């Protein structure tokens, strides 16, 4: 049980850091042929979609944690309160959304001649 909780935390904590370092997989076969203005618009649109998605995910996971806390639900085998793990995962998704906000602003503020 504890290994499962810690595995979830490890994956969640890695989200924001991999976005910050740009360590994720990007397939840009088509987008490399876009004009610079269109490429910037597509990048911003992708960031906005990600911000919306991960903000909603963070909120729903946080609400789930509040429900678990309010009902007093505990893990099945260890009888351990686990809503703290759920809250931590929600915070990680919220930080990922904030990281995407920073990336979107960086794309918007980048000058035309600058490369990413």
C-alpha atoms as a PDB file:
ATOM      1  CA  UNK A   1       0.000   0.000   0.000  1.00  0.00           C
ATOM      2  CA  UNK A   2       2.707   2.459   0.974  1.00  0.00           C
ATOM      3  CA  UNK A   3       4.707   1.576  -2.140  1.00  0.00           C
ATOM      4  CA  UNK A   4       1.644   2.380  -4.282  1.00  0.00           C
ATOM      5  CA  UNK A   5       1.160   5.739  -2.573  1.00  0.00           C
ATOM      6  CA  UNK A   6       4.833   6.620  -2.940  1.00  0.00           C
ATOM      7  CA  UNK A   7       4.759   5.521  -6.591  1.00  0.00           C
ATOM      8  CA  UNK A   8       1.867   7.873  -7.245  1.00  0.00           C
ATOM      9  CA  UNK A   9       3.760  10.701  -5.535  1.00  0.00           C
ATOM     10  CA  UNK A  10       6.903   9.982  -7.538  1.00  0.00           C
ATOM     11  CA  UNK A  11       5.006  10.161 -10.810  1.00  0.00           C
ATOM     12  CA  UNK A  12       3.143  13.299  -9.769  1.00  0.00           C
ATOM     13  CA  UNK A  13       6.266  15.121  -8.580  1.00  0.00           C
ATOM     14  CA  UNK A  14       7.996  14.305 -11.864  1.00  0.00           C
ATOM     15  CA  UNK A  15       5.314  16.069 -13.939  1.00  0.00           C
ATOM     16  CA  UNK A  16       6.291  19.658 -13.230  1.00  0.00           C
ATOM     17  CA  UNK A  17      10.013  19.013 -13.332  1.00  0.00           C
ATOM     18  CA  UNK A  18       9.864  17.223 -16.671  1.00  0.00           C
ATOM     19  CA  UNK A  19       7.834  20.120 -18.099  1.00  0.00           C
ATOM     20  CA  UNK A  20      10.305  22.661 -16.722  1.00  0.00           C
ATOM     21  CA  UNK A  21      13.283  20.817 -18.211  1.00  0.00           C
ATOM     22  CA  UNK A  22      11.407  19.929 -21.424  1.00  0.00           C
ATOM     23  CA  UNK A  23      12.235  16.242 -20.876  1.00  0.00           C
ATOM     24  CA  UNK A  24       8.991  14.976 -22.372  1.00  0.00           C
ATOM     25  CA  UNK A  25       8.590  13.449 -25.814  1.00  0.00           C
ATOM     26  CA  UNK A  26       7.624  15.889 -28.563  1.00  0.00           C
ATOM     27  CA  UNK A  27       6.563  14.802 -32.019  1.00  0.00           C
ATOM     28  CA  UNK A  28       6.673  17.839 -34.290  1.00  0.00           C
ATOM     29  CA  UNK A  29       6.772  16.368 -37.777  1.00  0.00           C
ATOM     30  CA  UNK A  30       4.125  18.766 -39.065  1.00  0.00           C
ATOM     31  CA  UNK A  31       4.682  21.803 -36.865  1.00  0.00           C
ATOM     32  CA  UNK A  32       8.298  22.274 -37.963  1.00  0.00           C
ATOM     33  CA  UNK A  33       6.967  23.377 -41.348  1.00  0.00           C
ATOM     34  CA  UNK A  34       4.661  26.091 -39.954  1.00  0.00           C
ATOM     35  CA  UNK A  35       5.390  29.767 -40.387  1.00  0.00           C
ATOM     36  CA  UNK A  36       6.759  31.325 -37.218  1.00  0.00           C
ATOM     37  CA  UNK A  37       3.535  33.167 -36.329  1.00  0.00           C
ATOM     38  CA  UNK A  38       1.397  30.074 -36.790  1.00  0.00           C
ATOM     39  CA  UNK A  39       3.850  27.958 -34.813  1.00  0.00           C
ATOM     40  CA  UNK A  40       3.675  30.435 -31.917  1.00  0.00           C
ATOM     41  CA  UNK A  41      -0.134  30.444 -32.047  1.00  0.00           C
ATOM     42  CA  UNK A  42      -0.258  26.642 -32.022  1.00  0.00           C
ATOM     43  CA  UNK A  43       2.193  26.521 -29.108  1.00  0.00           C
ATOM     44  CA  UNK A  44       0.127  28.986 -27.088  1.00  0.00           C
ATOM     45  CA  UNK A  45      -3.086  27.090 -27.906  1.00  0.00           C
ATOM     46  CA  UNK A  46      -1.482  23.854 -26.704  1.00  0.00           C
ATOM     47  CA  UNK A  47      -0.321  25.501 -23.499  1.00  0.00           C
ATOM     48  CA  UNK A  48      -3.776  26.982 -22.854  1.00  0.00           C
ATOM     49  CA  UNK A  49      -5.394  23.574 -23.404  1.00  0.00           C
ATOM     50  CA  UNK A  50      -2.885  22.013 -21.010  1.00  0.00           C
ATOM     51  CA  UNK A  51      -3.468  24.729 -18.428  1.00  0.00           C
ATOM     52  CA  UNK A  52      -7.205  24.128 -18.564  1.00  0.00           C
ATOM     53  CA  UNK A  53      -6.883  20.331 -18.473  1.00  0.00           C
ATOM     54  CA  UNK A  54      -4.411  20.131 -15.617  1.00  0.00           C
ATOM     55  CA  UNK A  55      -6.201  22.819 -13.597  1.00  0.00           C
ATOM     56  CA  UNK A  56      -9.411  20.803 -13.787  1.00  0.00           C
ATOM     57  CA  UNK A  57      -7.527  17.601 -12.925  1.00  0.00           C
ATOM     58  CA  UNK A  58      -5.896  19.311  -9.922  1.00  0.00           C
ATOM     59  CA  UNK A  59      -9.234  20.644  -8.720  1.00  0.00           C
ATOM     60  CA  UNK A  60     -11.041  17.303  -9.089  1.00  0.00           C
ATOM     61  CA  UNK A  61      -8.257  15.414  -7.301  1.00  0.00           C
ATOM     62  CA  UNK A  62      -8.336  18.004  -4.502  1.00  0.00           C
ATOM     63  CA  UNK A  63     -12.114  17.596  -4.178  1.00  0.00           C
ATOM     64  CA  UNK A  64     -11.617  13.824  -4.077  1.00  0.00           C
ATOM     65  CA  UNK A  65      -9.098  14.294  -1.256  1.00  0.00           C
ATOM     66  CA  UNK A  66     -11.592  16.456   0.653  1.00  0.00           C
ATOM     67  CA  UNK A  67     -14.241  13.755   0.234  1.00  0.00           C
ATOM     68  CA  UNK A  68     -11.877  11.083   1.541  1.00  0.00           C
ATOM     69  CA  UNK A  69     -10.909  13.285   4.469  1.00  0.00           C
ATOM     70  CA  UNK A  70     -14.508  14.167   5.333  1.00  0.00           C
ATOM     71  CA  UNK A  71     -15.728  10.553   5.236  1.00  0.00           C
ATOM     72  CA  UNK A  72     -12.740   9.279   7.217  1.00  0.00           C
ATOM     73  CA  UNK A  73     -11.766   6.728   4.587  1.00  0.00           C
ATOM     74  CA  UNK A  74      -8.527   4.876   5.303  1.00  0.00           C
ATOM     75  CA  UNK A  75      -6.373   2.433   3.358  1.00  0.00           C
ATOM     76  CA  UNK A  76      -7.660  -1.103   3.373  1.00  0.00           C
ATOM     77  CA  UNK A  77      -4.713  -2.987   4.839  1.00  0.00           C
ATOM     78  CA  UNK A  78      -2.850  -0.483   7.021  1.00  0.00           C
ATOM     79  CA  UNK A  79      -5.882   1.588   8.056  1.00  0.00           C
ATOM     80  CA  UNK A  80      -3.831   4.681   7.275  1.00  0.00           C
ATOM     81  CA  UNK A  81      -5.246   8.094   6.358  1.00  0.00           C
ATOM     82  CA  UNK A  82      -4.235   8.591   2.752  1.00  0.00           C
ATOM     83  CA  UNK A  83      -5.937  11.836   1.856  1.00  0.00           C
ATOM     84  CA  UNK A  84      -2.582  13.599   2.342  1.00  0.00           C
ATOM     85  CA  UNK A  85      -1.178  11.668  -0.608  1.00  0.00           C
ATOM     86  CA  UNK A  86      -4.171  12.699  -2.698  1.00  0.00           C
ATOM     87  CA  UNK A  87      -3.680  16.354  -1.736  1.00  0.00           C
ATOM     88  CA  UNK A  88      -0.001  16.136  -2.688  1.00  0.00           C
ATOM     89  CA  UNK A  89      -0.892  14.766  -6.127  1.00  0.00           C
ATOM     90  CA  UNK A  90      -3.418  17.593  -6.580  1.00  0.00           C
ATOM     91  CA  UNK A  91      -0.749  20.166  -5.697  1.00  0.00           C
ATOM     92  CA  UNK A  92       1.618  18.592  -8.232  1.00  0.00           C
ATOM     93  CA  UNK A  93      -0.967  18.914 -11.005  1.00  0.00           C
ATOM     94  CA  UNK A  94      -1.603  22.509  -9.952  1.00  0.00           C
ATOM     95  CA  UNK A  95       2.107  23.258 -10.143  1.00  0.00           C
ATOM     96  CA  UNK A  96       2.222  21.663 -13.582  1.00  0.00           C
ATOM     97  CA  UNK A  97      -0.568  24.017 -14.688  1.00  0.00           C
ATOM     98  CA  UNK A  98       1.389  26.988 -13.312  1.00  0.00           C
ATOM     99  CA  UNK A  99       4.480  25.787 -15.135  1.00  0.00           C
ATOM    100  CA  UNK A 100       2.458  25.730 -18.357  1.00  0.00           C
ATOM    101  CA  UNK A 101       1.337  29.317 -17.668  1.00  0.00           C
ATOM    102  CA  UNK A 102       4.985  30.366 -17.415  1.00  0.00           C
ATOM    103  CA  UNK A 103       5.814  28.526 -20.651  1.00  0.00           C
ATOM    104  CA  UNK A 104       2.878  30.128 -22.472  1.00  0.00           C
ATOM    105  CA  UNK A 105       3.944  33.582 -21.312  1.00  0.00           C
ATOM    106  CA  UNK A 106       7.499  32.857 -22.447  1.00  0.00           C
ATOM    107  CA  UNK A 107       6.226  31.986 -25.934  1.00  0.00           C
ATOM    108  CA  UNK A 108       4.061  35.115 -26.048  1.00  0.00           C
ATOM    109  CA  UNK A 109       6.896  37.380 -24.889  1.00  0.00           C
ATOM    110  CA  UNK A 110       9.522  35.880 -27.193  1.00  0.00           C
ATOM    111  CA  UNK A 111      10.672  38.192 -29.941  1.00  0.00           C
ATOM    112  CA  UNK A 112      10.266  37.108 -33.562  1.00  0.00           C
ATOM    113  CA  UNK A 113      13.941  36.510 -34.229  1.00  0.00           C
ATOM    114  CA  UNK A 114      14.437  34.480 -31.036  1.00  0.00           C
ATOM    115  CA  UNK A 115      14.438  30.696 -31.286  1.00  0.00           C
ATOM    116  CA  UNK A 116      13.040  28.525 -28.473  1.00  0.00           C
END
